[in-house]
Structures are given as C-alpha cells and as structure tokens.
Amino acid sequence: MTAPEQALPPETEPDEQDSLVEGVRLRGERHQRWLHEGAPSVARRLAQIGVLGWIIVVPMLIGVFVGRWLDQELNSGLFWTAPLLMLGLALGCYSAWKWMKNA
C-alpha cells in the first residue's frame, strides 16, 4: 500500500515569497544583533519609550499651535485646530510605526 498523497499548499505569488524571504532575513539580522549585543538594558528600553512618545507628541503639538494661530487670525473658533491636531496624530503614529519597524 502506498501512503496517501499529502495536499500541497497552493502556489504563492512571487511578491508574497519576496516579502516572506525579506521578513525572515530581517528576523535573522535582529537575532544576530541580539546575540552580539545582548539584551537591551532597562534604561535603553525607557529611552526608546521616551523617543516614541516624542515622535507622536511633537506633530500633534505643531498641529495645535498652527491650528490655534489660524483660528485666531481667521476668527474661526476651533475650525482649524481640531483637524490639524488629528493630522498631527496621524503623522506621529505613522512616524512611530516606521521608527519601530526599523528598530
């Protein structure tokens, strides 16, 4: 008797294979760096958290200050402050995501 044939996984697209290979390569590089440098200290982790916070907060503050200035100049209440605050939040979160992805 022969063993039943196992179902083969469907063919993956070349783009999916490239992203998988890239992910495995990055994971290997991080692992090699961790083996070489050791585990990060508590102070380094706290510093990363602080930088991450500033990456998010600074664009939000810029949005608030520019929005308040525009609202005072145009006498428009909070018409510009709220959207620019949200734009700053989106920009800050995107920047933080990119920074964490590269870290």
N, C-alpha and C. Protein backbone atom coordinates (compact mmCIF):
# COMPACT_ATOMS: atom_id res chain seq x y z
N MET A 1 0.84 -1.18 0.00
CA MET A 1 0.00 0.00 0.00
C MET A 1 0.88 1.24 0.00
N THR A 2 0.43 2.21 -0.70
CA THR A 2 1.18 3.47 -0.74
C THR A 2 0.55 4.46 0.23
N ALA A 3 1.37 5.35 0.72
CA ALA A 3 0.88 6.38 1.64
C ALA A 3 0.02 7.37 0.85
N PRO A 4 -1.06 7.84 1.45
CA PRO A 4 -1.89 8.82 0.73
C PRO A 4 -1.08 10.08 0.44
N GLU A 5 -1.35 10.62 -0.72
CA GLU A 5 -0.64 11.84 -1.11
C GLU A 5 -1.09 12.99 -0.23
N GLN A 6 -0.11 13.75 0.22
CA GLN A 6 -0.44 14.92 1.03
C GLN A 6 -0.78 16.08 0.12
N ALA A 7 -1.73 16.87 0.55
CA ALA A 7 -2.13 18.03 -0.25
C ALA A 7 -1.01 19.06 -0.22
N LEU A 8 -0.61 19.50 -1.38
CA LEU A 8 0.42 20.51 -1.48
C LEU A 8 -0.20 21.88 -1.30
N PRO A 9 0.53 22.81 -0.65
CA PRO A 9 -0.02 24.16 -0.49
C PRO A 9 -0.15 24.83 -1.85
N PRO A 10 -1.13 25.71 -1.99
CA PRO A 10 -1.29 26.40 -3.27
C PRO A 10 -0.05 27.24 -3.56
N GLU A 11 0.18 27.44 -4.83
CA GLU A 11 1.32 28.25 -5.25
C GLU A 11 1.18 29.66 -4.68
N THR A 12 2.28 30.18 -4.17
CA THR A 12 2.26 31.55 -3.67
C THR A 12 2.79 32.48 -4.74
N GLU A 13 2.33 33.68 -4.68
CA GLU A 13 2.76 34.69 -5.64
C GLU A 13 4.22 35.06 -5.37
N PRO A 14 4.97 35.50 -6.39
CA PRO A 14 6.37 35.90 -6.17
C PRO A 14 6.50 37.04 -5.17
N ASP A 15 5.53 37.99 -5.16
CA ASP A 15 5.60 39.10 -4.20
C ASP A 15 5.49 38.60 -2.78
N GLU A 16 4.61 37.60 -2.56
CA GLU A 16 4.46 37.05 -1.22
C GLU A 16 5.73 36.34 -0.79
N GLN A 17 6.36 35.63 -1.72
CA GLN A 17 7.60 34.93 -1.40
C GLN A 17 8.69 35.94 -1.07
N ASP A 18 8.76 37.03 -1.84
CA ASP A 18 9.77 38.05 -1.59
C ASP A 18 9.59 38.67 -0.21
N SER A 19 8.34 38.98 0.16
CA SER A 19 8.12 39.59 1.46
C SER A 19 8.41 38.59 2.58
N LEU A 20 8.12 37.32 2.35
CA LEU A 20 8.42 36.30 3.36
C LEU A 20 9.93 36.15 3.53
N VAL A 21 10.64 36.10 2.43
CA VAL A 21 12.10 35.98 2.49
C VAL A 21 12.70 37.20 3.17
N GLU A 22 12.19 38.39 2.83
CA GLU A 22 12.69 39.63 3.45
C GLU A 22 12.42 39.61 4.95
N GLY A 23 11.22 39.16 5.37
CA GLY A 23 10.90 39.08 6.79
C GLY A 23 11.81 38.12 7.54
N VAL A 24 12.09 36.99 6.92
CA VAL A 24 12.98 36.01 7.55
C VAL A 24 14.39 36.58 7.65
N ARG A 25 14.84 37.28 6.61
CA ARG A 25 16.18 37.87 6.62
C ARG A 25 16.29 38.92 7.73
N LEU A 26 15.27 39.80 7.85
CA LEU A 26 15.30 40.82 8.90
C LEU A 26 15.29 40.17 10.29
N ARG A 27 14.51 39.13 10.45
CA ARG A 27 14.45 38.43 11.74
C ARG A 27 15.82 37.84 12.08
N GLY A 28 16.47 37.26 11.08
CA GLY A 28 17.80 36.71 11.30
C GLY A 28 18.82 37.77 11.67
N GLU A 29 18.73 38.93 11.00
CA GLU A 29 19.65 40.03 11.33
C GLU A 29 19.43 40.51 12.76
N ARG A 30 18.16 40.66 13.15
CA ARG A 30 17.87 41.10 14.52
C ARG A 30 18.38 40.08 15.54
N HIS A 31 18.19 38.81 15.22
CA HIS A 31 18.65 37.76 16.14
C HIS A 31 20.18 37.79 16.26
N GLN A 32 20.87 37.97 15.15
CA GLN A 32 22.34 38.04 15.19
C GLN A 32 22.79 39.27 15.99
N ARG A 33 22.10 40.40 15.79
CA ARG A 33 22.44 41.61 16.55
C ARG A 33 22.21 41.38 18.03
N TRP A 34 21.10 40.69 18.39
CA TRP A 34 20.80 40.40 19.79
C TRP A 34 21.87 39.49 20.38
N LEU A 35 22.31 38.49 19.62
CA LEU A 35 23.36 37.59 20.12
C LEU A 35 24.67 38.34 20.33
N HIS A 36 24.95 39.29 19.45
CA HIS A 36 26.20 40.05 19.55
C HIS A 36 26.15 41.08 20.67
N GLU A 37 25.05 41.82 20.75
CA GLU A 37 24.95 42.93 21.72
C GLU A 37 24.34 42.50 23.05
N GLY A 38 23.59 41.44 23.08
CA GLY A 38 22.90 41.03 24.30
C GLY A 38 21.56 41.73 24.41
N ALA A 39 20.84 41.41 25.47
CA ALA A 39 19.52 42.01 25.69
C ALA A 39 19.67 43.48 26.04
N PRO A 40 18.77 44.33 25.52
CA PRO A 40 18.85 45.76 25.84
C PRO A 40 18.58 45.99 27.33
N SER A 41 19.21 47.00 27.87
CA SER A 41 19.03 47.31 29.28
C SER A 41 17.69 48.02 29.50
N VAL A 42 17.32 48.12 30.76
CA VAL A 42 16.08 48.80 31.12
C VAL A 42 16.16 50.27 30.70
N ALA A 43 17.32 50.88 30.89
CA ALA A 43 17.49 52.29 30.52
C ALA A 43 17.30 52.49 29.01
N ARG A 44 17.81 51.55 28.23
CA ARG A 44 17.64 51.67 26.78
C ARG A 44 16.17 51.53 26.39
N ARG A 45 15.46 50.61 27.01
CA ARG A 45 14.03 50.45 26.74
C ARG A 45 13.24 51.70 27.13
N LEU A 46 13.58 52.28 28.28
CA LEU A 46 12.90 53.51 28.70
C LEU A 46 13.20 54.66 27.74
N ALA A 47 14.43 54.72 27.25
CA ALA A 47 14.79 55.74 26.27
C ALA A 47 13.99 55.56 24.98
N GLN A 48 13.81 54.32 24.55
CA GLN A 48 13.02 54.06 23.35
C GLN A 48 11.56 54.48 23.54
N ILE A 49 11.02 54.21 24.72
CA ILE A 49 9.65 54.62 25.01
C ILE A 49 9.53 56.14 24.99
N GLY A 50 10.53 56.82 25.55
CA GLY A 50 10.52 58.28 25.54
C GLY A 50 10.59 58.85 24.13
N VAL A 51 11.47 58.29 23.31
CA VAL A 51 11.58 58.75 21.92
C VAL A 51 10.28 58.50 21.19
N LEU A 52 9.69 57.34 21.41
CA LEU A 52 8.43 57.00 20.76
C LEU A 52 7.33 58.00 21.14
N GLY A 53 7.29 58.37 22.41
CA GLY A 53 6.32 59.37 22.85
C GLY A 53 6.52 60.71 22.17
N TRP A 54 7.77 61.15 22.08
CA TRP A 54 8.03 62.44 21.44
C TRP A 54 7.73 62.41 19.95
N ILE A 55 7.98 61.25 19.32
CA ILE A 55 7.68 61.14 17.89
C ILE A 55 6.18 61.35 17.64
N ILE A 56 5.35 60.93 18.58
CA ILE A 56 3.90 61.10 18.43
C ILE A 56 3.45 62.48 18.87
N VAL A 57 4.00 62.98 19.97
CA VAL A 57 3.51 64.23 20.57
C VAL A 57 3.91 65.47 19.77
N VAL A 58 5.12 65.53 19.25
CA VAL A 58 5.60 66.74 18.57
C VAL A 58 4.73 67.11 17.37
N PRO A 59 4.38 66.19 16.46
CA PRO A 59 3.50 66.61 15.35
C PRO A 59 2.12 67.06 15.83
N MET A 60 1.63 66.45 16.92
CA MET A 60 0.34 66.88 17.47
C MET A 60 0.42 68.31 17.99
N LEU A 61 1.51 68.62 18.71
CA LEU A 61 1.67 69.98 19.24
C LEU A 61 1.82 71.00 18.12
N ILE A 62 2.54 70.64 17.09
CA ILE A 62 2.68 71.55 15.94
C ILE A 62 1.31 71.80 15.32
N GLY A 63 0.50 70.74 15.17
CA GLY A 63 -0.85 70.89 14.64
C GLY A 63 -1.71 71.79 15.50
N VAL A 64 -1.61 71.66 16.83
CA VAL A 64 -2.39 72.50 17.73
C VAL A 64 -1.96 73.96 17.62
N PHE A 65 -0.65 74.22 17.63
CA PHE A 65 -0.18 75.60 17.58
C PHE A 65 -0.52 76.27 16.24
N VAL A 66 -0.33 75.56 15.14
CA VAL A 66 -0.67 76.13 13.84
C VAL A 66 -2.18 76.33 13.73
N GLY A 67 -2.95 75.35 14.22
CA GLY A 67 -4.41 75.47 14.18
C GLY A 67 -4.91 76.64 15.02
N ARG A 68 -4.36 76.81 16.22
CA ARG A 68 -4.78 77.95 17.07
C ARG A 68 -4.42 79.28 16.42
N TRP A 69 -3.24 79.33 15.80
CA TRP A 69 -2.83 80.57 15.14
C TRP A 69 -3.78 80.88 13.98
N LEU A 70 -4.11 79.87 13.17
CA LEU A 70 -5.04 80.09 12.06
C LEU A 70 -6.42 80.48 12.57
N ASP A 71 -6.88 79.84 13.65
CA ASP A 71 -8.19 80.17 14.20
C ASP A 71 -8.23 81.60 14.74
N GLN A 72 -7.13 82.06 15.34
CA GLN A 72 -7.11 83.44 15.83
C GLN A 72 -7.05 84.44 14.69
N GLU A 73 -6.28 84.11 13.67
CA GLU A 73 -6.17 85.01 12.51
C GLU A 73 -7.48 85.10 11.74
N LEU A 74 -8.17 83.98 11.60
CA LEU A 74 -9.40 83.93 10.80
C LEU A 74 -10.67 84.02 11.66
N ASN A 75 -10.49 84.12 12.99
CA ASN A 75 -11.61 84.21 13.93
C ASN A 75 -12.63 83.09 13.65
N SER A 76 -12.13 81.83 13.68
CA SER A 76 -12.98 80.70 13.28
C SER A 76 -13.18 79.65 14.37
N GLY A 77 -13.03 80.02 15.63
CA GLY A 77 -13.27 79.06 16.72
C GLY A 77 -12.23 77.96 16.73
N LEU A 78 -12.68 76.71 16.61
CA LEU A 78 -11.77 75.56 16.57
C LEU A 78 -11.78 74.89 15.20
N PHE A 79 -12.11 75.64 14.18
CA PHE A 79 -12.25 75.07 12.85
C PHE A 79 -10.95 74.45 12.35
N TRP A 80 -9.82 75.08 12.59
CA TRP A 80 -8.53 74.56 12.11
C TRP A 80 -7.79 73.75 13.16
N THR A 81 -8.00 74.02 14.43
CA THR A 81 -7.25 73.34 15.48
C THR A 81 -7.54 71.84 15.51
N ALA A 82 -8.81 71.48 15.51
CA ALA A 82 -9.17 70.06 15.61
C ALA A 82 -8.65 69.23 14.43
N PRO A 83 -8.86 69.65 13.19
CA PRO A 83 -8.35 68.82 12.09
C PRO A 83 -6.82 68.75 12.06
N LEU A 84 -6.14 69.84 12.38
CA LEU A 84 -4.69 69.81 12.37
C LEU A 84 -4.15 68.97 13.53
N LEU A 85 -4.86 68.94 14.65
CA LEU A 85 -4.49 68.04 15.74
C LEU A 85 -4.59 66.59 15.28
N MET A 86 -5.69 66.23 14.61
CA MET A 86 -5.86 64.87 14.12
C MET A 86 -4.83 64.53 13.04
N LEU A 87 -4.53 65.49 12.19
CA LEU A 87 -3.49 65.28 11.18
C LEU A 87 -2.13 65.04 11.84
N GLY A 88 -1.83 65.82 12.88
CA GLY A 88 -0.59 65.62 13.62
C GLY A 88 -0.54 64.26 14.30
N LEU A 89 -1.67 63.82 14.84
CA LEU A 89 -1.73 62.50 15.45
C LEU A 89 -1.48 61.41 14.42
N ALA A 90 -2.11 61.52 13.27
CA ALA A 90 -1.91 60.52 12.21
C ALA A 90 -0.45 60.51 11.75
N LEU A 91 0.12 61.67 11.54
CA LEU A 91 1.52 61.76 11.11
C LEU A 91 2.45 61.19 12.19
N GLY A 92 2.18 61.50 13.45
CA GLY A 92 3.01 61.00 14.55
C GLY A 92 2.91 59.48 14.67
N CYS A 93 1.72 58.94 14.56
CA CYS A 93 1.56 57.48 14.65
C CYS A 93 2.24 56.79 13.48
N TYR A 94 2.12 57.36 12.29
CA TYR A 94 2.80 56.78 11.13
C TYR A 94 4.32 56.82 11.32
N SER A 95 4.83 57.95 11.80
CA SER A 95 6.28 58.06 12.04
C SER A 95 6.73 57.07 13.10
N ALA A 96 5.95 56.92 14.15
CA ALA A 96 6.31 55.97 15.22
C ALA A 96 6.29 54.54 14.69
N TRP A 97 5.32 54.22 13.85
CA TRP A 97 5.25 52.89 13.28
C TRP A 97 6.48 52.60 12.40
N LYS A 98 6.86 53.58 11.58
CA LYS A 98 8.03 53.41 10.73
C LYS A 98 9.29 53.28 11.59
N TRP A 99 9.40 54.08 12.66
CA TRP A 99 10.57 54.02 13.54
C TRP A 99 10.66 52.66 14.22
N MET A 100 9.52 52.16 14.72
CA MET A 100 9.53 50.86 15.40
C MET A 100 9.81 49.73 14.42
N LYS A 101 9.36 49.86 13.19
CA LYS A 101 9.59 48.82 12.20
C LYS A 101 11.08 48.71 11.88
N ASN A 102 11.80 49.83 11.90
CA ASN A 102 13.23 49.84 11.61
C ASN A 102 14.09 49.54 12.83
N ALA A 103 13.52 49.66 14.02
CA ALA A 103 14.30 49.44 15.25
C ALA A 103 14.55 47.99 15.52
